[in-house]
Amino acid sequence: MGHPPSKFARVFQKAKADGYLIVAHAGEEGPPEYVTEALDLLDVNRIDHGNRSMEDMDVVNKLVERKIALTVCPLSNLKLKVVTDLKKHPLKRMLDKGLFVTINSDDPAYFSGYVNENYIEIQKALDLSKEDIIQLAGNSFNASFLKMKEKRKMLEMLSEYINGYI
C-alpha cells in the first residue's frame, strides 16, 4: 500500500531494456489501479497476486485479453488479511472469468505454506473440482518462464499423470 508500480517505472524500464522478464507484485493489498499500472506502465510479463483485479472488470478484461498470468498465493492472502476466510477467496471467480491464474506459495516459512498446502487449503475452502485443479496445474507450467520445449515436456508429464491416476 502506498507504493504504486508507477513509482518504480524507470527501474522496470531499465530491467526490460537489459533483457529481464518483468514481474510485478500488484493487486494483493493495493487497489486494482496498481494492476493497471503494472500492465500499462511496467509492461509486465506476469503479475504476482492480482486478487484485487476482480474489483474492476476493465482490469479483468485487460488481463484476460493480454493473457497475463497471476501468481495467486491463498495462504499469504489469508495471513495478510487480504481475505478474512479462504472460503471468500476470489480464486474460483478468477478462473470463472477466464483469468490465467496459478496457485503458488509466498515466503512459505513466513506465511506457513508451501505450494502443496496452498493447493490443498484452497481446494477445501472453495470446493474446487478436479478440472479446476488440473487447469491450475497446467496454468502454472504455461505461466512459467521455462523454454517451450521444457513447458511441453512438463505439460506432457502432467497429462500422463492425469490419464494414469485421475
N, C-alpha and C. Protein backbone atom coordinates (compact mmCIF):
# COMPACT_ATOMS: atom_id res chain seq x y z
N MET A 1 0.84 -1.18 0.00
CA MET A 1 0.00 0.00 0.00
C MET A 1 0.89 1.24 0.00
N GLY A 2 0.47 2.20 -0.78
CA GLY A 2 1.21 3.46 -0.82
C GLY A 2 2.43 3.44 -1.73
N HIS A 3 2.66 2.34 -2.40
CA HIS A 3 3.82 2.25 -3.29
C HIS A 3 3.37 1.70 -4.64
N PRO A 4 2.71 2.52 -5.44
CA PRO A 4 2.19 2.05 -6.74
C PRO A 4 3.31 1.69 -7.70
N PRO A 5 3.00 0.82 -8.65
CA PRO A 5 4.01 0.44 -9.65
C PRO A 5 4.64 1.63 -10.37
N SER A 6 3.87 2.69 -10.58
CA SER A 6 4.40 3.86 -11.30
C SER A 6 5.65 4.42 -10.61
N LYS A 7 5.75 4.22 -9.33
CA LYS A 7 6.89 4.69 -8.55
C LYS A 7 8.19 4.00 -9.00
N PHE A 8 8.06 2.83 -9.63
CA PHE A 8 9.21 2.02 -10.00
C PHE A 8 9.38 1.89 -11.51
N ALA A 9 8.67 2.70 -12.27
CA ALA A 9 8.64 2.57 -13.73
C ALA A 9 10.04 2.63 -14.35
N ARG A 10 10.87 3.56 -13.92
CA ARG A 10 12.21 3.69 -14.52
C ARG A 10 13.05 2.43 -14.30
N VAL A 11 12.98 1.86 -13.11
CA VAL A 11 13.75 0.65 -12.80
C VAL A 11 13.28 -0.50 -13.69
N PHE A 12 11.96 -0.63 -13.84
CA PHE A 12 11.42 -1.71 -14.66
C PHE A 12 11.76 -1.50 -16.14
N GLN A 13 11.73 -0.27 -16.60
CA GLN A 13 12.12 0.02 -17.99
C GLN A 13 13.56 -0.38 -18.24
N LYS A 14 14.44 -0.07 -17.29
CA LYS A 14 15.85 -0.44 -17.41
C LYS A 14 16.00 -1.96 -17.41
N ALA A 15 15.29 -2.63 -16.53
CA ALA A 15 15.37 -4.09 -16.45
C ALA A 15 14.91 -4.72 -17.77
N LYS A 16 13.82 -4.19 -18.32
CA LYS A 16 13.32 -4.72 -19.60
C LYS A 16 14.34 -4.47 -20.72
N ALA A 17 14.91 -3.28 -20.73
CA ALA A 17 15.92 -2.94 -21.74
C ALA A 17 17.14 -3.85 -21.63
N ASP A 18 17.43 -4.31 -20.41
CA ASP A 18 18.56 -5.21 -20.18
C ASP A 18 18.20 -6.67 -20.43
N GLY A 19 16.97 -6.92 -20.88
CA GLY A 19 16.57 -8.27 -21.26
C GLY A 19 15.90 -9.10 -20.19
N TYR A 20 15.58 -8.51 -19.05
CA TYR A 20 14.93 -9.27 -17.99
C TYR A 20 13.44 -9.42 -18.28
N LEU A 21 12.89 -10.53 -17.82
CA LEU A 21 11.44 -10.71 -17.83
C LEU A 21 10.89 -9.87 -16.69
N ILE A 22 9.70 -9.33 -16.89
CA ILE A 22 9.16 -8.35 -15.93
C ILE A 22 7.98 -8.94 -15.16
N VAL A 23 8.14 -8.97 -13.85
CA VAL A 23 7.11 -9.45 -12.94
C VAL A 23 6.92 -8.39 -11.87
N ALA A 24 5.68 -8.04 -11.61
CA ALA A 24 5.41 -7.04 -10.57
C ALA A 24 4.43 -7.60 -9.54
N HIS A 25 4.65 -7.20 -8.32
CA HIS A 25 3.75 -7.51 -7.21
C HIS A 25 2.68 -6.43 -7.23
N ALA A 26 1.45 -6.80 -7.58
CA ALA A 26 0.39 -5.79 -7.69
C ALA A 26 -0.97 -6.40 -7.41
N GLY A 27 -1.83 -5.61 -6.79
CA GLY A 27 -3.21 -6.03 -6.61
C GLY A 27 -3.43 -7.06 -5.52
N GLU A 28 -2.51 -7.15 -4.58
CA GLU A 28 -2.77 -8.02 -3.42
C GLU A 28 -3.39 -7.14 -2.33
N GLU A 29 -2.60 -6.23 -1.80
CA GLU A 29 -3.11 -5.30 -0.82
C GLU A 29 -3.49 -3.97 -1.48
N GLY A 30 -2.75 -3.60 -2.51
CA GLY A 30 -3.02 -2.36 -3.23
C GLY A 30 -4.24 -2.51 -4.14
N PRO A 31 -4.81 -1.42 -4.60
CA PRO A 31 -6.05 -1.42 -5.38
C PRO A 31 -5.85 -1.95 -6.81
N PRO A 32 -6.95 -2.20 -7.53
CA PRO A 32 -6.85 -2.68 -8.91
C PRO A 32 -6.08 -1.73 -9.82
N GLU A 33 -6.04 -0.47 -9.48
CA GLU A 33 -5.28 0.50 -10.27
C GLU A 33 -3.80 0.14 -10.33
N TYR A 34 -3.31 -0.52 -9.27
CA TYR A 34 -1.91 -0.95 -9.26
C TYR A 34 -1.68 -2.01 -10.34
N VAL A 35 -2.68 -2.84 -10.58
CA VAL A 35 -2.56 -3.85 -11.64
C VAL A 35 -2.54 -3.15 -13.00
N THR A 36 -3.40 -2.16 -13.17
CA THR A 36 -3.41 -1.40 -14.42
C THR A 36 -2.06 -0.74 -14.66
N GLU A 37 -1.48 -0.14 -13.64
CA GLU A 37 -0.16 0.48 -13.78
C GLU A 37 0.90 -0.57 -14.12
N ALA A 38 0.82 -1.73 -13.50
CA ALA A 38 1.79 -2.79 -13.80
C ALA A 38 1.68 -3.22 -15.26
N LEU A 39 0.46 -3.28 -15.77
CA LEU A 39 0.24 -3.66 -17.16
C LEU A 39 0.69 -2.57 -18.12
N ASP A 40 0.25 -1.35 -17.87
CA ASP A 40 0.45 -0.28 -18.84
C ASP A 40 1.79 0.45 -18.71
N LEU A 41 2.25 0.65 -17.49
CA LEU A 41 3.50 1.39 -17.29
C LEU A 41 4.73 0.49 -17.21
N LEU A 42 4.57 -0.67 -16.59
CA LEU A 42 5.71 -1.56 -16.43
C LEU A 42 5.81 -2.60 -17.54
N ASP A 43 4.70 -2.80 -18.25
CA ASP A 43 4.65 -3.77 -19.35
C ASP A 43 5.10 -5.15 -18.87
N VAL A 44 4.42 -5.64 -17.82
CA VAL A 44 4.80 -6.89 -17.17
C VAL A 44 4.53 -8.11 -18.03
N ASN A 45 5.31 -9.17 -17.74
CA ASN A 45 5.07 -10.48 -18.33
C ASN A 45 4.17 -11.32 -17.42
N ARG A 46 4.15 -10.99 -16.14
CA ARG A 46 3.37 -11.75 -15.16
C ARG A 46 3.14 -10.84 -13.95
N ILE A 47 2.05 -11.11 -13.22
CA ILE A 47 1.75 -10.33 -12.01
C ILE A 47 1.67 -11.27 -10.82
N ASP A 48 2.39 -10.93 -9.76
CA ASP A 48 2.27 -11.66 -8.51
C ASP A 48 1.03 -11.15 -7.79
N HIS A 49 0.14 -12.04 -7.53
CA HIS A 49 -1.13 -11.83 -6.81
C HIS A 49 -2.22 -11.36 -7.77
N GLY A 50 -2.57 -10.10 -7.77
CA GLY A 50 -3.61 -9.61 -8.67
C GLY A 50 -5.04 -9.83 -8.19
N ASN A 51 -5.21 -10.30 -6.97
CA ASN A 51 -6.55 -10.60 -6.44
C ASN A 51 -7.54 -9.45 -6.61
N ARG A 52 -7.07 -8.25 -6.33
CA ARG A 52 -7.99 -7.11 -6.31
C ARG A 52 -8.40 -6.67 -7.71
N SER A 53 -7.85 -7.31 -8.73
CA SER A 53 -8.30 -7.06 -10.11
C SER A 53 -9.79 -7.30 -10.23
N MET A 54 -10.29 -8.23 -9.43
CA MET A 54 -11.71 -8.60 -9.50
C MET A 54 -12.65 -7.46 -9.16
N GLU A 55 -12.12 -6.39 -8.60
CA GLU A 55 -12.94 -5.23 -8.25
C GLU A 55 -13.17 -4.31 -9.44
N ASP A 56 -12.52 -4.58 -10.57
CA ASP A 56 -12.63 -3.70 -11.74
C ASP A 56 -12.66 -4.57 -13.00
N MET A 57 -13.83 -4.68 -13.62
CA MET A 57 -13.97 -5.57 -14.77
C MET A 57 -13.13 -5.11 -15.96
N ASP A 58 -12.81 -3.83 -16.05
CA ASP A 58 -11.91 -3.38 -17.12
C ASP A 58 -10.52 -3.99 -16.94
N VAL A 59 -10.07 -4.07 -15.70
CA VAL A 59 -8.77 -4.68 -15.40
C VAL A 59 -8.83 -6.18 -15.71
N VAL A 60 -9.90 -6.83 -15.28
CA VAL A 60 -10.08 -8.26 -15.56
C VAL A 60 -10.03 -8.50 -17.06
N ASN A 61 -10.77 -7.71 -17.81
CA ASN A 61 -10.82 -7.89 -19.27
C ASN A 61 -9.44 -7.68 -19.90
N LYS A 62 -8.71 -6.70 -19.39
CA LYS A 62 -7.36 -6.43 -19.92
C LYS A 62 -6.43 -7.61 -19.63
N LEU A 63 -6.52 -8.17 -18.43
CA LEU A 63 -5.69 -9.32 -18.07
C LEU A 63 -6.02 -10.53 -18.93
N VAL A 64 -7.31 -10.76 -19.16
CA VAL A 64 -7.73 -11.89 -19.99
C VAL A 64 -7.24 -11.69 -21.43
N GLU A 65 -7.47 -10.49 -21.96
CA GLU A 65 -7.08 -10.18 -23.33
C GLU A 65 -5.58 -10.36 -23.55
N ARG A 66 -4.78 -9.92 -22.60
CA ARG A 66 -3.32 -10.00 -22.74
C ARG A 66 -2.74 -11.34 -22.27
N LYS A 67 -3.61 -12.18 -21.70
CA LYS A 67 -3.18 -13.49 -21.20
C LYS A 67 -2.04 -13.36 -20.20
N ILE A 68 -2.20 -12.43 -19.27
CA ILE A 68 -1.19 -12.20 -18.24
C ILE A 68 -1.48 -13.14 -17.06
N ALA A 69 -0.49 -13.92 -16.70
CA ALA A 69 -0.64 -14.85 -15.58
C ALA A 69 -0.61 -14.11 -14.25
N LEU A 70 -1.42 -14.61 -13.32
CA LEU A 70 -1.45 -14.11 -11.95
C LEU A 70 -0.99 -15.24 -11.05
N THR A 71 0.02 -14.99 -10.25
CA THR A 71 0.51 -15.99 -9.32
C THR A 71 -0.15 -15.74 -7.96
N VAL A 72 -1.23 -16.45 -7.73
CA VAL A 72 -2.05 -16.25 -6.54
C VAL A 72 -1.54 -17.13 -5.40
N CYS A 73 -1.45 -16.54 -4.21
CA CYS A 73 -0.91 -17.22 -3.03
C CYS A 73 -1.95 -17.18 -1.90
N PRO A 74 -2.89 -18.13 -1.91
CA PRO A 74 -4.00 -18.07 -0.96
C PRO A 74 -3.61 -17.96 0.51
N LEU A 75 -2.62 -18.72 0.96
CA LEU A 75 -2.29 -18.69 2.39
C LEU A 75 -1.65 -17.37 2.81
N SER A 76 -0.86 -16.76 1.95
CA SER A 76 -0.32 -15.45 2.32
C SER A 76 -1.44 -14.41 2.26
N ASN A 77 -2.38 -14.57 1.32
CA ASN A 77 -3.53 -13.66 1.27
C ASN A 77 -4.32 -13.71 2.57
N LEU A 78 -4.44 -14.90 3.13
CA LEU A 78 -5.14 -15.07 4.41
C LEU A 78 -4.33 -14.45 5.55
N LYS A 79 -3.06 -14.73 5.59
CA LYS A 79 -2.22 -14.22 6.68
C LYS A 79 -2.15 -12.69 6.66
N LEU A 80 -2.10 -12.11 5.46
CA LEU A 80 -2.06 -10.65 5.34
C LEU A 80 -3.43 -10.00 5.45
N LYS A 81 -4.45 -10.84 5.62
CA LYS A 81 -5.84 -10.38 5.75
C LYS A 81 -6.37 -9.71 4.48
N VAL A 82 -5.80 -10.14 3.33
CA VAL A 82 -6.36 -9.72 2.04
C VAL A 82 -7.74 -10.37 1.90
N VAL A 83 -7.85 -11.59 2.44
CA VAL A 83 -9.14 -12.25 2.62
C VAL A 83 -9.22 -12.64 4.09
N THR A 84 -10.42 -12.61 4.63
CA THR A 84 -10.59 -12.95 6.05
C THR A 84 -10.86 -14.43 6.24
N ASP A 85 -11.21 -15.11 5.16
CA ASP A 85 -11.53 -16.53 5.20
C ASP A 85 -11.25 -17.08 3.80
N LEU A 86 -10.57 -18.22 3.72
CA LEU A 86 -10.29 -18.78 2.40
C LEU A 86 -11.56 -19.09 1.61
N LYS A 87 -12.66 -19.30 2.31
CA LYS A 87 -13.94 -19.55 1.62
C LYS A 87 -14.40 -18.32 0.84
N LYS A 88 -13.82 -17.15 1.15
CA LYS A 88 -14.16 -15.91 0.45
C LYS A 88 -13.10 -15.50 -0.57
N HIS A 89 -12.10 -16.36 -0.77
CA HIS A 89 -11.02 -16.05 -1.70
C HIS A 89 -11.58 -15.97 -3.12
N PRO A 90 -11.10 -15.03 -3.94
CA PRO A 90 -11.65 -14.86 -5.29
C PRO A 90 -11.12 -15.83 -6.34
N LEU A 91 -10.29 -16.80 -5.98
CA LEU A 91 -9.64 -17.66 -6.97
C LEU A 91 -10.63 -18.33 -7.92
N LYS A 92 -11.69 -18.91 -7.41
CA LYS A 92 -12.67 -19.60 -8.28
C LYS A 92 -13.34 -18.60 -9.21
N ARG A 93 -13.69 -17.45 -8.70
CA ARG A 93 -14.30 -16.42 -9.56
C ARG A 93 -13.31 -15.96 -10.62
N MET A 94 -12.04 -15.91 -10.25
CA MET A 94 -10.99 -15.53 -11.20
C MET A 94 -10.94 -16.54 -12.35
N LEU A 95 -10.96 -17.82 -12.01
CA LEU A 95 -10.99 -18.87 -13.03
C LEU A 95 -12.23 -18.73 -13.91
N ASP A 96 -13.37 -18.53 -13.27
CA ASP A 96 -14.64 -18.43 -14.00
C ASP A 96 -14.66 -17.25 -14.96
N LYS A 97 -13.92 -16.21 -14.66
CA LYS A 97 -13.84 -15.02 -15.53
C LYS A 97 -12.81 -15.19 -16.64
N GLY A 98 -12.11 -16.32 -16.62
CA GLY A 98 -11.13 -16.57 -17.67
C GLY A 98 -9.75 -16.03 -17.39
N LEU A 99 -9.48 -15.66 -16.15
CA LEU A 99 -8.15 -15.18 -15.81
C LEU A 99 -7.15 -16.34 -15.80
N PHE A 100 -5.93 -16.05 -16.15
CA PHE A 100 -4.84 -17.01 -16.26
C PHE A 100 -4.18 -17.09 -14.88
N VAL A 101 -4.81 -17.88 -13.98
CA VAL A 101 -4.41 -17.93 -12.58
C VAL A 101 -3.59 -19.17 -12.27
N THR A 102 -2.64 -19.01 -11.36
CA THR A 102 -1.85 -20.13 -10.86
C THR A 102 -1.88 -20.08 -9.33
N ILE A 103 -1.60 -21.21 -8.71
CA ILE A 103 -1.50 -21.25 -7.25
C ILE A 103 -0.03 -21.38 -6.89
N ASN A 104 0.39 -20.56 -5.94
CA ASN A 104 1.79 -20.51 -5.55
C ASN A 104 1.93 -20.36 -4.05
N SER A 105 3.17 -20.47 -3.59
CA SER A 105 3.47 -20.16 -2.20
C SER A 105 4.20 -18.82 -2.19
N ASP A 106 4.11 -18.14 -1.09
CA ASP A 106 4.72 -16.82 -0.95
C ASP A 106 5.47 -16.82 0.37
N ASP A 107 6.80 -16.85 0.31
CA ASP A 107 7.61 -16.92 1.52
C ASP A 107 7.05 -17.97 2.49
N PRO A 108 7.13 -19.26 2.09
CA PRO A 108 6.48 -20.32 2.87
C PRO A 108 6.87 -20.38 4.34
N ALA A 109 8.09 -20.08 4.67
CA ALA A 109 8.48 -20.13 6.09
C ALA A 109 7.73 -19.07 6.90
N TYR A 110 7.46 -17.94 6.28
CA TYR A 110 6.77 -16.85 6.97
C TYR A 110 5.26 -17.03 6.93
N PHE A 111 4.74 -17.40 5.75
CA PHE A 111 3.29 -17.48 5.58
C PHE A 111 2.72 -18.87 5.82
N SER A 112 3.55 -19.80 6.27
CA SER A 112 3.11 -21.14 6.63
C SER A 112 2.41 -21.86 5.49
N GLY A 113 3.12 -22.15 4.46
CA GLY A 113 2.51 -22.96 3.42
C GLY A 113 3.28 -23.01 2.13
N TYR A 114 3.74 -24.20 1.80
CA TYR A 114 4.38 -24.42 0.51
C TYR A 114 3.28 -24.60 -0.54
N VAL A 115 3.66 -24.83 -1.78
CA VAL A 115 2.68 -24.92 -2.87
C VAL A 115 1.61 -25.95 -2.57
N ASN A 116 2.00 -27.15 -2.13
CA ASN A 116 1.00 -28.19 -1.86
C ASN A 116 -0.03 -27.73 -0.84
N GLU A 117 0.42 -27.10 0.24
CA GLU A 117 -0.53 -26.63 1.26
C GLU A 117 -1.48 -25.59 0.67
N ASN A 118 -0.98 -24.73 -0.20
CA ASN A 118 -1.84 -23.73 -0.83
C ASN A 118 -2.91 -24.41 -1.69
N TYR A 119 -2.51 -25.42 -2.47
CA TYR A 119 -3.47 -26.17 -3.28
C TYR A 119 -4.51 -26.85 -2.40
N ILE A 120 -4.04 -27.56 -1.38
CA ILE A 120 -4.94 -28.32 -0.52
C ILE A 120 -5.93 -27.41 0.19
N GLU A 121 -5.43 -26.34 0.80
CA GLU A 121 -6.31 -25.47 1.59
C GLU A 121 -7.32 -24.72 0.72
N ILE A 122 -6.89 -24.25 -0.46
CA ILE A 122 -7.84 -23.51 -1.31
C ILE A 122 -8.84 -24.48 -1.95
N GLN A 123 -8.41 -25.70 -2.25
CA GLN A 123 -9.34 -26.68 -2.80
C GLN A 123 -10.44 -26.99 -1.78
N LYS A 124 -10.03 -27.21 -0.53
CA LYS A 124 -11.02 -27.50 0.52
C LYS A 124 -11.95 -26.31 0.73
N ALA A 125 -11.38 -25.12 0.79
CA ALA A 125 -12.18 -23.92 1.09
C ALA A 125 -13.18 -23.59 -0.01
N LEU A 126 -12.77 -23.76 -1.27
CA LEU A 126 -13.62 -23.37 -2.39
C LEU A 126 -14.28 -24.55 -3.09
N ASP A 127 -14.01 -25.76 -2.59
CA ASP A 127 -14.55 -26.98 -3.21
C ASP A 127 -14.23 -27.01 -4.70
N LEU A 128 -12.97 -26.75 -5.02
CA LEU A 128 -12.55 -26.76 -6.42
C LEU A 128 -12.68 -28.16 -6.99
N SER A 129 -13.07 -28.22 -8.24
CA SER A 129 -13.23 -29.50 -8.91
C SER A 129 -11.88 -30.03 -9.39
N LYS A 130 -11.87 -31.31 -9.80
CA LYS A 130 -10.66 -31.89 -10.40
C LYS A 130 -10.25 -31.06 -11.61
N GLU A 131 -11.24 -30.65 -12.40
CA GLU A 131 -10.96 -29.87 -13.60
C GLU A 131 -10.30 -28.54 -13.25
N ASP A 132 -10.78 -27.91 -12.16
CA ASP A 132 -10.17 -26.65 -11.72
C ASP A 132 -8.70 -26.88 -11.34
N ILE A 133 -8.44 -27.93 -10.59
CA ILE A 133 -7.07 -28.22 -10.14
C ILE A 133 -6.18 -28.53 -11.34
N ILE A 134 -6.70 -29.30 -12.27
CA ILE A 134 -5.92 -29.62 -13.48
C ILE A 134 -5.61 -28.35 -14.26
N GLN A 135 -6.61 -27.47 -14.39
CA GLN A 135 -6.38 -26.21 -15.10
C GLN A 135 -5.33 -25.37 -14.39
N LEU A 136 -5.42 -25.30 -13.07
CA LEU A 136 -4.45 -24.52 -12.30
C LEU A 136 -3.04 -25.08 -12.44
N ALA A 137 -2.93 -26.40 -12.42
CA ALA A 137 -1.61 -27.03 -12.58
C ALA A 137 -1.06 -26.76 -13.98
N GLY A 138 -1.90 -26.91 -15.00
CA GLY A 138 -1.47 -26.61 -16.36
C GLY A 138 -1.09 -25.15 -16.53
N ASN A 139 -1.89 -24.27 -15.92
CA ASN A 139 -1.58 -22.84 -15.98
C ASN A 139 -0.20 -22.55 -15.41
N SER A 140 0.15 -23.26 -14.35
CA SER A 140 1.44 -22.98 -13.71
C SER A 140 2.60 -23.27 -14.66
N PHE A 141 2.49 -24.32 -15.45
CA PHE A 141 3.55 -24.60 -16.43
C PHE A 141 3.51 -23.60 -17.57
N ASN A 142 2.30 -23.30 -18.04
CA ASN A 142 2.18 -22.33 -19.14
C ASN A 142 2.63 -20.93 -18.73
N ALA A 143 2.48 -20.59 -17.47
CA ALA A 143 2.87 -19.26 -16.98
C ALA A 143 4.35 -19.19 -16.63
N SER A 144 4.99 -20.34 -16.55
CA SER A 144 6.40 -20.35 -16.16
C SER A 144 7.26 -19.72 -17.25
N PHE A 145 8.47 -19.43 -16.89
CA PHE A 145 9.42 -18.85 -17.84
C PHE A 145 10.34 -19.93 -18.42
N LEU A 146 9.87 -21.17 -18.36
CA LEU A 146 10.62 -22.25 -19.00
C LEU A 146 10.62 -22.06 -20.51
N LYS A 147 11.59 -22.64 -21.17
CA LYS A 147 11.60 -22.65 -22.63
C LYS A 147 10.45 -23.54 -23.10
N MET A 148 9.94 -23.28 -24.31
CA MET A 148 8.77 -24.01 -24.82
C MET A 148 8.97 -25.53 -24.79
N LYS A 149 10.14 -26.00 -25.14
CA LYS A 149 10.41 -27.44 -25.14
C LYS A 149 10.20 -28.02 -23.74
N GLU A 150 10.71 -27.32 -22.73
CA GLU A 150 10.57 -27.78 -21.35
C GLU A 150 9.12 -27.69 -20.88
N LYS A 151 8.41 -26.62 -21.26
CA LYS A 151 6.99 -26.50 -20.92
C LYS A 151 6.21 -27.68 -21.48
N ARG A 152 6.45 -27.97 -22.77
CA ARG A 152 5.73 -29.09 -23.40
C ARG A 152 6.00 -30.40 -22.66
N LYS A 153 7.26 -30.59 -22.26
CA LYS A 153 7.61 -31.80 -21.52
C LYS A 153 6.84 -31.87 -20.20
N MET A 154 6.81 -30.77 -19.46
CA MET A 154 6.10 -30.74 -18.18
C MET A 154 4.60 -30.95 -18.37
N LEU A 155 4.03 -30.31 -19.39
CA LEU A 155 2.60 -30.47 -19.67
C LEU A 155 2.27 -31.90 -20.09
N GLU A 156 3.18 -32.52 -20.82
CA GLU A 156 3.01 -33.92 -21.21
C GLU A 156 3.04 -34.81 -19.98
N MET A 157 3.97 -34.55 -19.07
CA MET A 157 4.04 -35.33 -17.82
C MET A 157 2.77 -35.14 -17.01
N LEU A 158 2.26 -33.92 -16.95
CA LEU A 158 1.00 -33.66 -16.24
C LEU A 158 -0.13 -34.45 -16.88
N SER A 159 -0.20 -34.44 -18.19
CA SER A 159 -1.23 -35.15 -18.92
C SER A 159 -1.14 -36.66 -18.65
N GLU A 160 0.07 -37.19 -18.68
CA GLU A 160 0.26 -38.61 -18.40
C GLU A 160 -0.19 -38.96 -16.98
N TYR A 161 0.13 -38.09 -16.03
CA TYR A 161 -0.30 -38.31 -14.66
C TYR A 161 -1.82 -38.33 -14.57
N ILE A 162 -2.43 -37.34 -15.18
CA ILE A 162 -3.90 -37.23 -15.13
C ILE A 162 -4.53 -38.47 -15.76
N ASN A 163 -4.04 -38.87 -16.91
CA ASN A 163 -4.60 -40.03 -17.61
C ASN A 163 -4.36 -41.32 -16.85
N GLY A 164 -3.27 -41.39 -16.10
CA GLY A 164 -2.94 -42.62 -15.38
C GLY A 164 -3.56 -42.74 -13.99
N TYR A 165 -3.89 -41.59 -13.39
CA TYR A 165 -4.33 -41.64 -11.98
C TYR A 165 -5.65 -40.96 -11.69
N ILE A 166 -6.13 -40.16 -12.58
CA ILE A 166 -7.35 -39.41 -12.26
C ILE A 166 -8.49 -39.85 -13.14
